[in-house]
PDB file of N, CA and C in Angstrom:
ATOM      1  N   UNK A   1      27.524  36.177  28.451  1.00  0.00           N
ATOM      2  CA  UNK A   1      28.619  37.109  28.275  1.00  0.00           C
ATOM      3  C   UNK A   1      28.455  37.775  26.910  1.00  0.00           C
ATOM      4  N   UNK A   2      28.500  39.089  26.906  1.00  0.00           N
ATOM      5  CA  UNK A   2      28.308  39.830  25.661  1.00  0.00           C
ATOM      6  C   UNK A   2      29.567  39.754  24.793  1.00  0.00           C
ATOM      7  N   UNK A   3      29.375  40.065  23.517  1.00  0.00           N
ATOM      8  CA  UNK A   3      30.498  40.044  22.577  1.00  0.00           C
ATOM      9  C   UNK A   3      31.535  41.091  22.964  1.00  0.00           C
ATOM     10  N   UNK A   4      31.081  42.222  23.490  1.00  0.00           N
ATOM     11  CA  UNK A   4      32.000  43.280  23.891  1.00  0.00           C
ATOM     12  C   UNK A   4      32.870  42.835  25.065  1.00  0.00           C
ATOM     13  N   UNK A   5      32.291  42.128  25.994  1.00  0.00           N
ATOM     14  CA  UNK A   5      33.042  41.620  27.142  1.00  0.00           C
ATOM     15  C   UNK A   5      34.080  40.600  26.684  1.00  0.00           C
ATOM     16  N   UNK A   6      33.683  39.737  25.737  1.00  0.00           N
ATOM     17  CA  UNK A   6      34.641  38.754  25.206  1.00  0.00           C
ATOM     18  C   UNK A   6      35.774  39.448  24.473  1.00  0.00           C
ATOM     19  N   UNK A   7      35.454  40.487  23.729  1.00  0.00           N
ATOM     20  CA  UNK A   7      36.478  41.215  22.974  1.00  0.00           C
ATOM     21  C   UNK A   7      37.456  41.903  23.929  1.00  0.00           C
ATOM     22  N   UNK A   8      36.959  42.443  25.017  1.00  0.00           N
ATOM     23  CA  UNK A   8      37.840  43.090  25.994  1.00  0.00           C
ATOM     24  C   UNK A   8      38.729  42.058  26.676  1.00  0.00           C
ATOM     25  N   UNK A   9      38.221  40.850  26.864  1.00  0.00           N
ATOM     26  CA  UNK A   9      38.985  39.786  27.507  1.00  0.00           C
ATOM     27  C   UNK A   9      39.983  39.124  26.579  1.00  0.00           C
ATOM     28  N   UNK A  10      39.886  39.382  25.276  1.00  0.00           N
ATOM     29  CA  UNK A  10      40.772  38.725  24.311  1.00  0.00           C
ATOM     30  C   UNK A  10      42.241  39.041  24.570  1.00  0.00           C
ATOM     31  N   UNK A  11      42.518  40.256  24.950  1.00  0.00           N
ATOM     32  CA  UNK A  11      43.908  40.663  25.169  1.00  0.00           C
ATOM     33  C   UNK A  11      44.556  39.856  26.289  1.00  0.00           C
ATOM     34  N   UNK A  12      43.783  39.440  27.268  1.00  0.00           N
ATOM     35  CA  UNK A  12      44.322  38.676  28.381  1.00  0.00           C
ATOM     36  C   UNK A  12      44.163  37.170  28.189  1.00  0.00           C
ATOM     37  N   UNK A  13      43.755  36.759  27.012  1.00  0.00           N
ATOM     38  CA  UNK A  13      43.598  35.333  26.738  1.00  0.00           C
ATOM     39  C   UNK A  13      44.885  34.771  26.145  1.00  0.00           C
ATOM     40  N   UNK A  14      44.959  33.456  26.050  1.00  0.00           N
ATOM     41  CA  UNK A  14      46.118  32.806  25.434  1.00  0.00           C
ATOM     42  C   UNK A  14      46.239  33.239  23.974  1.00  0.00           C
ATOM     43  N   UNK A  15      45.130  33.272  23.280  1.00  0.00           N
ATOM     44  CA  UNK A  15      45.146  33.659  21.869  1.00  0.00           C
ATOM     45  C   UNK A  15      45.634  35.094  21.704  1.00  0.00           C
ATOM     46  N   UNK A  16      45.149  35.976  22.542  1.00  0.00           N
ATOM     47  CA  UNK A  16      45.563  37.372  22.481  1.00  0.00           C
ATOM     48  C   UNK A  16      47.040  37.543  22.796  1.00  0.00           C
ATOM     49  N   UNK A  17      47.527  36.752  23.738  1.00  0.00           N
ATOM     50  CA  UNK A  17      48.944  36.823  24.093  1.00  0.00           C
ATOM     51  C   UNK A  17      49.802  36.318  22.948  1.00  0.00           C
ATOM     52  N   UNK A  18      49.366  35.221  22.301  1.00  0.00           N
ATOM     53  CA  UNK A  18      50.099  34.720  21.138  1.00  0.00           C
ATOM     54  C   UNK A  18      50.121  35.760  20.022  1.00  0.00           C
ATOM     55  N   UNK A  19      49.011  36.426  19.816  1.00  0.00           N
ATOM     56  CA  UNK A  19      48.940  37.457  18.783  1.00  0.00           C
ATOM     57  C   UNK A  19      49.871  38.625  19.122  1.00  0.00           C
ATOM     58  N   UNK A  20      49.917  39.009  20.375  1.00  0.00           N
ATOM     59  CA  UNK A  20      50.820  40.075  20.804  1.00  0.00           C
ATOM     60  C   UNK A  20      52.277  39.672  20.618  1.00  0.00           C
ATOM     61  N   UNK A  21      52.581  38.415  20.905  1.00  0.00           N
ATOM     62  CA  UNK A  21      53.945  37.920  20.719  1.00  0.00           C
ATOM     63  C   UNK A  21      54.336  37.940  19.243  1.00  0.00           C
ATOM     64  N   UNK A  22      53.414  37.562  18.373  1.00  0.00           N
ATOM     65  CA  UNK A  22      53.689  37.564  16.940  1.00  0.00           C
ATOM     66  C   UNK A  22      53.919  38.990  16.438  1.00  0.00           C
ATOM     67  N   UNK A  23      53.117  39.918  16.897  1.00  0.00           N
ATOM     68  CA  UNK A  23      53.276  41.312  16.478  1.00  0.00           C
ATOM     69  C   UNK A  23      54.600  41.883  16.981  1.00  0.00           C
ATOM     70  N   UNK A  24      54.976  41.528  18.193  1.00  0.00           N
ATOM     71  CA  UNK A  24      56.239  41.994  18.749  1.00  0.00           C
ATOM     72  C   UNK A  24      57.414  41.378  17.993  1.00  0.00           C
ATOM     73  N   UNK A  25      57.312  40.098  17.676  1.00  0.00           N
ATOM     74  CA  UNK A  25      58.375  39.426  16.923  1.00  0.00           C
ATOM     75  C   UNK A  25      58.495  40.026  15.520  1.00  0.00           C
ATOM     76  N   UNK A  26      57.385  40.438  14.959  1.00  0.00           N
ATOM     77  CA  UNK A  26      57.415  41.081  13.637  1.00  0.00           C
ATOM     78  C   UNK A  26      58.225  42.370  13.698  1.00  0.00           C
ATOM     79  N   UNK A  27      58.196  43.053  14.822  1.00  0.00           N
ATOM     80  CA  UNK A  27      58.997  44.250  15.006  1.00  0.00           C
ATOM     81  C   UNK A  27      60.487  43.958  14.989  1.00  0.00           C
ATOM     82  N   UNK A  28      60.850  42.716  15.311  1.00  0.00           N
ATOM     83  CA  UNK A  28      62.261  42.326  15.288  1.00  0.00           C
ATOM     84  C   UNK A  28      62.822  42.375  13.873  1.00  0.00           C
ATOM     85  N   UNK A  29      61.976  42.146  12.880  1.00  0.00           N
ATOM     86  CA  UNK A  29      62.417  42.212  11.481  1.00  0.00           C
ATOM     87  C   UNK A  29      62.877  43.633  11.159  1.00  0.00           C
ATOM     88  N   UNK A  30      62.106  44.610  11.580  1.00  0.00           N
ATOM     89  CA  UNK A  30      62.474  46.009  11.363  1.00  0.00           C
ATOM     90  C   UNK A  30      63.759  46.381  12.093  1.00  0.00           C
ATOM     91  N   UNK A  31      63.914  45.876  13.305  1.00  0.00           N
ATOM     92  CA  UNK A  31      65.128  46.170  14.069  1.00  0.00           C
ATOM     93  C   UNK A  31      66.348  45.533  13.405  1.00  0.00           C
ATOM     94  N   UNK A  32      66.183  44.329  12.888  1.00  0.00           N
ATOM     95  CA  UNK A  32      67.291  43.659  12.205  1.00  0.00           C
ATOM     96  C   UNK A  32      67.699  44.429  10.951  1.00  0.00           C
ATOM     97  N   UNK A  33      66.718  44.916  10.195  1.00  0.00           N
ATOM     98  CA  UNK A  33      67.016  45.719   9.005  1.00  0.00           C
ATOM     99  C   UNK A  33      67.738  47.006   9.390  1.00  0.00           C
ATOM    100  N   UNK A  34      67.296  47.618  10.486  1.00  0.00           N
ATOM    101  CA  UNK A  34      67.913  48.856  10.954  1.00  0.00           C
ATOM    102  C   UNK A  34      69.365  48.604  11.376  1.00  0.00           C
ATOM    103  N   UNK A  35      69.627  47.483  12.041  1.00  0.00           N
ATOM    104  CA  UNK A  35      70.991  47.141  12.444  1.00  0.00           C
ATOM    105  C   UNK A  35      71.865  46.925  11.213  1.00  0.00           C
ATOM    106  N   UNK A  36      71.337  46.185  10.255  1.00  0.00           N
ATOM    107  CA  UNK A  36      72.098  45.908   9.031  1.00  0.00           C
ATOM    108  C   UNK A  36      72.449  47.205   8.288  1.00  0.00           C
ATOM    109  N   UNK A  37      71.475  48.106   8.185  1.00  0.00           N
ATOM    110  CA  UNK A  37      71.699  49.376   7.494  1.00  0.00           C
ATOM    111  C   UNK A  37      72.715  50.227   8.254  1.00  0.00           C
ATOM    112  N   UNK A  38      72.610  50.271   9.566  1.00  0.00           N
ATOM    113  CA  UNK A  38      73.528  51.071  10.378  1.00  0.00           C
ATOM    114  C   UNK A  38      74.957  50.553  10.267  1.00  0.00           C
ATOM    115  N   UNK A  39      75.106  49.236  10.228  1.00  0.00           N
ATOM    116  CA  UNK A  39      76.446  48.661  10.089  1.00  0.00           C
ATOM    117  C   UNK A  39      77.016  48.951   8.704  1.00  0.00           C
ATOM    118  N   UNK A  40      76.175  48.893   7.682  1.00  0.00           N
ATOM    119  CA  UNK A  40      76.636  49.158   6.321  1.00  0.00           C
ATOM    120  C   UNK A  40      77.090  50.614   6.167  1.00  0.00           C
ATOM    121  N   UNK A  41      76.373  51.521   6.821  1.00  0.00           N
ATOM    122  CA  UNK A  41      76.690  52.945   6.731  1.00  0.00           C
ATOM    123  C   UNK A  41      77.707  53.384   7.793  1.00  0.00           C
ATOM    124  N   UNK A  42      78.096  52.456   8.661  1.00  0.00           N
ATOM    125  CA  UNK A  42      79.028  52.744   9.748  1.00  0.00           C
ATOM    126  C   UNK A  42      78.518  53.898  10.627  1.00  0.00           C
ATOM    127  N   UNK A  43      77.214  53.862  10.899  1.00  0.00           N
ATOM    128  CA  UNK A  43      76.551  54.906  11.685  1.00  0.00           C
ATOM    129  C   UNK A  43      76.361  54.394  13.118  1.00  0.00           C
ATOM    130  N   UNK A  44      77.222  54.826  14.013  1.00  0.00           N
ATOM    131  CA  UNK A  44      77.214  54.336  15.390  1.00  0.00           C
ATOM    132  C   UNK A  44      75.935  54.717  16.129  1.00  0.00           C
ATOM    133  N   UNK A  45      75.472  55.930  15.954  1.00  0.00           N
ATOM    134  CA  UNK A  45      74.276  56.373  16.664  1.00  0.00           C
ATOM    135  C   UNK A  45      73.048  55.574  16.234  1.00  0.00           C
ATOM    136  N   UNK A  46      72.911  55.331  14.946  1.00  0.00           N
ATOM    137  CA  UNK A  46      71.791  54.529  14.454  1.00  0.00           C
ATOM    138  C   UNK A  46      71.902  53.081  14.930  1.00  0.00           C
ATOM    139  N   UNK A  47      73.136  52.591  15.025  1.00  0.00           N
ATOM    140  CA  UNK A  47      73.356  51.226  15.511  1.00  0.00           C
ATOM    141  C   UNK A  47      72.952  51.112  16.980  1.00  0.00           C
ATOM    142  N   UNK A  48      73.319  52.100  17.773  1.00  0.00           N
ATOM    143  CA  UNK A  48      72.930  52.100  19.192  1.00  0.00           C
ATOM    144  C   UNK A  48      71.407  52.132  19.310  1.00  0.00           C
ATOM    145  N   UNK A  49      70.766  52.956  18.499  1.00  0.00           N
ATOM    146  CA  UNK A  49      69.305  53.034  18.507  1.00  0.00           C
ATOM    147  C   UNK A  49      68.682  51.685  18.150  1.00  0.00           C
ATOM    148  N   UNK A  50      69.233  51.027  17.150  1.00  0.00           N
ATOM    149  CA  UNK A  50      68.697  49.727  16.727  1.00  0.00           C
ATOM    150  C   UNK A  50      68.893  48.660  17.805  1.00  0.00           C
ATOM    151  N   UNK A  51      70.034  48.705  18.483  1.00  0.00           N
ATOM    152  CA  UNK A  51      70.295  47.729  19.548  1.00  0.00           C
ATOM    153  C   UNK A  51      69.355  47.960  20.727  1.00  0.00           C
ATOM    154  N   UNK A  52      69.111  49.214  21.068  1.00  0.00           N
ATOM    155  CA  UNK A  52      68.167  49.519  22.154  1.00  0.00           C
ATOM    156  C   UNK A  52      66.754  49.071  21.760  1.00  0.00           C
ATOM    157  N   UNK A  53      66.396  49.282  20.507  1.00  0.00           N
ATOM    158  CA  UNK A  53      65.094  48.823  20.014  1.00  0.00           C
ATOM    159  C   UNK A  53      64.988  47.306  20.127  1.00  0.00           C
ATOM    160  N   UNK A  54      66.037  46.612  19.713  1.00  0.00           N
ATOM    161  CA  UNK A  54      66.050  45.146  19.797  1.00  0.00           C
ATOM    162  C   UNK A  54      65.948  44.671  21.241  1.00  0.00           C
ATOM    163  N   UNK A  55      66.610  45.376  22.143  1.00  0.00           N
ATOM    164  CA  UNK A  55      66.528  45.015  23.562  1.00  0.00           C
ATOM    165  C   UNK A  55      65.099  45.186  24.085  1.00  0.00           C
ATOM    166  N   UNK A  56      64.439  46.235  23.623  1.00  0.00           N
ATOM    167  CA  UNK A  56      63.036  46.436  24.003  1.00  0.00           C
ATOM    168  C   UNK A  56      62.138  45.329  23.482  1.00  0.00           C
ATOM    169  N   UNK A  57      62.418  44.874  22.276  1.00  0.00           N
ATOM    170  CA  UNK A  57      61.629  43.785  21.696  1.00  0.00           C
ATOM    171  C   UNK A  57      61.836  42.499  22.480  1.00  0.00           C
ATOM    172  N   UNK A  58      63.088  42.213  22.825  1.00  0.00           N
ATOM    173  CA  UNK A  58      63.380  41.010  23.611  1.00  0.00           C
ATOM    174  C   UNK A  58      62.692  41.088  24.973  1.00  0.00           C
ATOM    175  N   UNK A  59      62.742  42.247  25.597  1.00  0.00           N
ATOM    176  CA  UNK A  59      62.081  42.428  26.890  1.00  0.00           C
ATOM    177  C   UNK A  59      60.569  42.244  26.767  1.00  0.00           C
ATOM    178  N   UNK A  60      59.991  42.817  25.708  1.00  0.00           N
ATOM    179  CA  UNK A  60      58.552  42.665  25.481  1.00  0.00           C
ATOM    180  C   UNK A  60      58.155  41.219  25.283  1.00  0.00           C
ATOM    181  N   UNK A  61      58.950  40.480  24.519  1.00  0.00           N
ATOM    182  CA  UNK A  61      58.660  39.056  24.316  1.00  0.00           C
ATOM    183  C   UNK A  61      58.779  38.277  25.625  1.00  0.00           C
ATOM    184  N   UNK A  62      59.761  38.633  26.445  1.00  0.00           N
ATOM    185  CA  UNK A  62      59.917  37.957  27.731  1.00  0.00           C
ATOM    186  C   UNK A  62      58.722  38.220  28.646  1.00  0.00           C
ATOM    187  N   UNK A  63      58.237  39.443  28.647  1.00  0.00           N
ATOM    188  CA  UNK A  63      57.064  39.784  29.467  1.00  0.00           C
ATOM    189  C   UNK A  63      55.834  39.033  28.965  1.00  0.00           C
ATOM    190  N   UNK A  64      55.652  38.982  27.647  1.00  0.00           N
ATOM    191  CA  UNK A  64      54.509  38.259  27.094  1.00  0.00           C
ATOM    192  C   UNK A  64      54.615  36.764  27.384  1.00  0.00           C
ATOM    193  N   UNK A  65      55.820  36.216  27.322  1.00  0.00           N
ATOM    194  CA  UNK A  65      56.015  34.804  27.632  1.00  0.00           C
ATOM    195  C   UNK A  65      55.656  34.528  29.092  1.00  0.00           C
ATOM    196  N   UNK A  66      56.090  35.435  29.982  1.00  0.00           N
ATOM    197  CA  UNK A  66      55.743  35.289  31.400  1.00  0.00           C
ATOM    198  C   UNK A  66      54.232  35.335  31.596  1.00  0.00           C
ATOM    199  N   UNK A  67      53.567  36.243  30.882  1.00  0.00           N
ATOM    200  CA  UNK A  67      52.107  36.344  30.969  1.00  0.00           C
ATOM    201  C   UNK A  67      51.440  35.059  30.469  1.00  0.00           C
ATOM    202  N   UNK A  68      51.998  34.498  29.407  1.00  0.00           N
ATOM    203  CA  UNK A  68      51.464  33.252  28.856  1.00  0.00           C
ATOM    204  C   UNK A  68      51.613  32.121  29.863  1.00  0.00           C
ATOM    205  N   UNK A  69      52.759  32.053  30.529  1.00  0.00           N
ATOM    206  CA  UNK A  69      52.965  31.020  31.545  1.00  0.00           C
ATOM    207  C   UNK A  69      52.024  31.232  32.730  1.00  0.00           C
ATOM    208  N   UNK A  70      51.768  32.496  33.075  1.00  0.00           N
ATOM    209  CA  UNK A  70      50.895  32.811  34.205  1.00  0.00           C
ATOM    210  C   UNK A  70      49.449  32.446  33.910  1.00  0.00           C
ATOM    211  N   UNK A  71      49.066  32.605  32.638  1.00  0.00           N
ATOM    212  CA  UNK A  71      47.697  32.262  32.268  1.00  0.00           C
ATOM    213  C   UNK A  71      47.409  30.789  32.493  1.00  0.00           C
ATOM    214  N   UNK A  72      48.403  29.960  32.158  1.00  0.00           N
ATOM    215  CA  UNK A  72      48.229  28.523  32.359  1.00  0.00           C
ATOM    216  C   UNK A  72      47.025  28.005  31.588  1.00  0.00           C
ATOM    217  N   UNK A  73      46.212  27.229  32.264  1.00  0.00           N
ATOM    218  CA  UNK A  73      45.051  26.622  31.630  1.00  0.00           C
ATOM    219  C   UNK A  73      43.752  27.383  31.841  1.00  0.00           C
ATOM    220  N   UNK A  74      43.778  28.457  32.615  1.00  0.00           N
ATOM    221  CA  UNK A  74      42.535  29.189  32.893  1.00  0.00           C
ATOM    222  C   UNK A  74      42.344  30.293  31.859  1.00  0.00           C
ATOM    223  N   UNK A  75      42.034  29.893  30.633  1.00  0.00           N
ATOM    224  CA  UNK A  75      41.836  30.825  29.528  1.00  0.00           C
ATOM    225  C   UNK A  75      40.527  31.591  29.721  1.00  0.00           C
ATOM    226  N   UNK A  76      40.578  32.886  29.483  1.00  0.00           N
ATOM    227  CA  UNK A  76      39.422  33.759  29.690  1.00  0.00           C
ATOM    228  C   UNK A  76      38.304  33.436  28.709  1.00  0.00           C
ATOM    229  N   UNK A  77      38.622  33.093  27.465  1.00  0.00           N
ATOM    230  CA  UNK A  77      37.597  32.914  26.441  1.00  0.00           C
ATOM    231  C   UNK A  77      37.022  31.500  26.378  1.00  0.00           C
ATOM    232  N   UNK A  78      37.522  30.568  27.154  1.00  0.00           N
ATOM    233  CA  UNK A  78      37.026  29.204  27.071  1.00  0.00           C
ATOM    234  C   UNK A  78      35.701  29.004  27.801  1.00  0.00           C
ATOM    235  N   UNK A  79      35.341  29.916  28.659  1.00  0.00           N
ATOM    236  CA  UNK A  79      34.144  29.748  29.466  1.00  0.00           C
ATOM    237  C   UNK A  79      32.958  30.075  28.772  1.00  0.00           C
TER     238      UNK A  79
END
């Protein structure tokens, strides 16, 4: 198996999924800051935007978690 094939398979591996989950969770920090700022400024539109962003992050994490459960023990890079 070539290095390029392994690199393409990384995204569908357990390690790649964990990395995607970490990057998505890191986005939650930005959403939390946006919510805090919107509440401080009493800006309803910005608050709605931040809540929708947070909902997208939660949905993304749920999808990645489902993918991780689906992968199970058949990791692409272990072979």
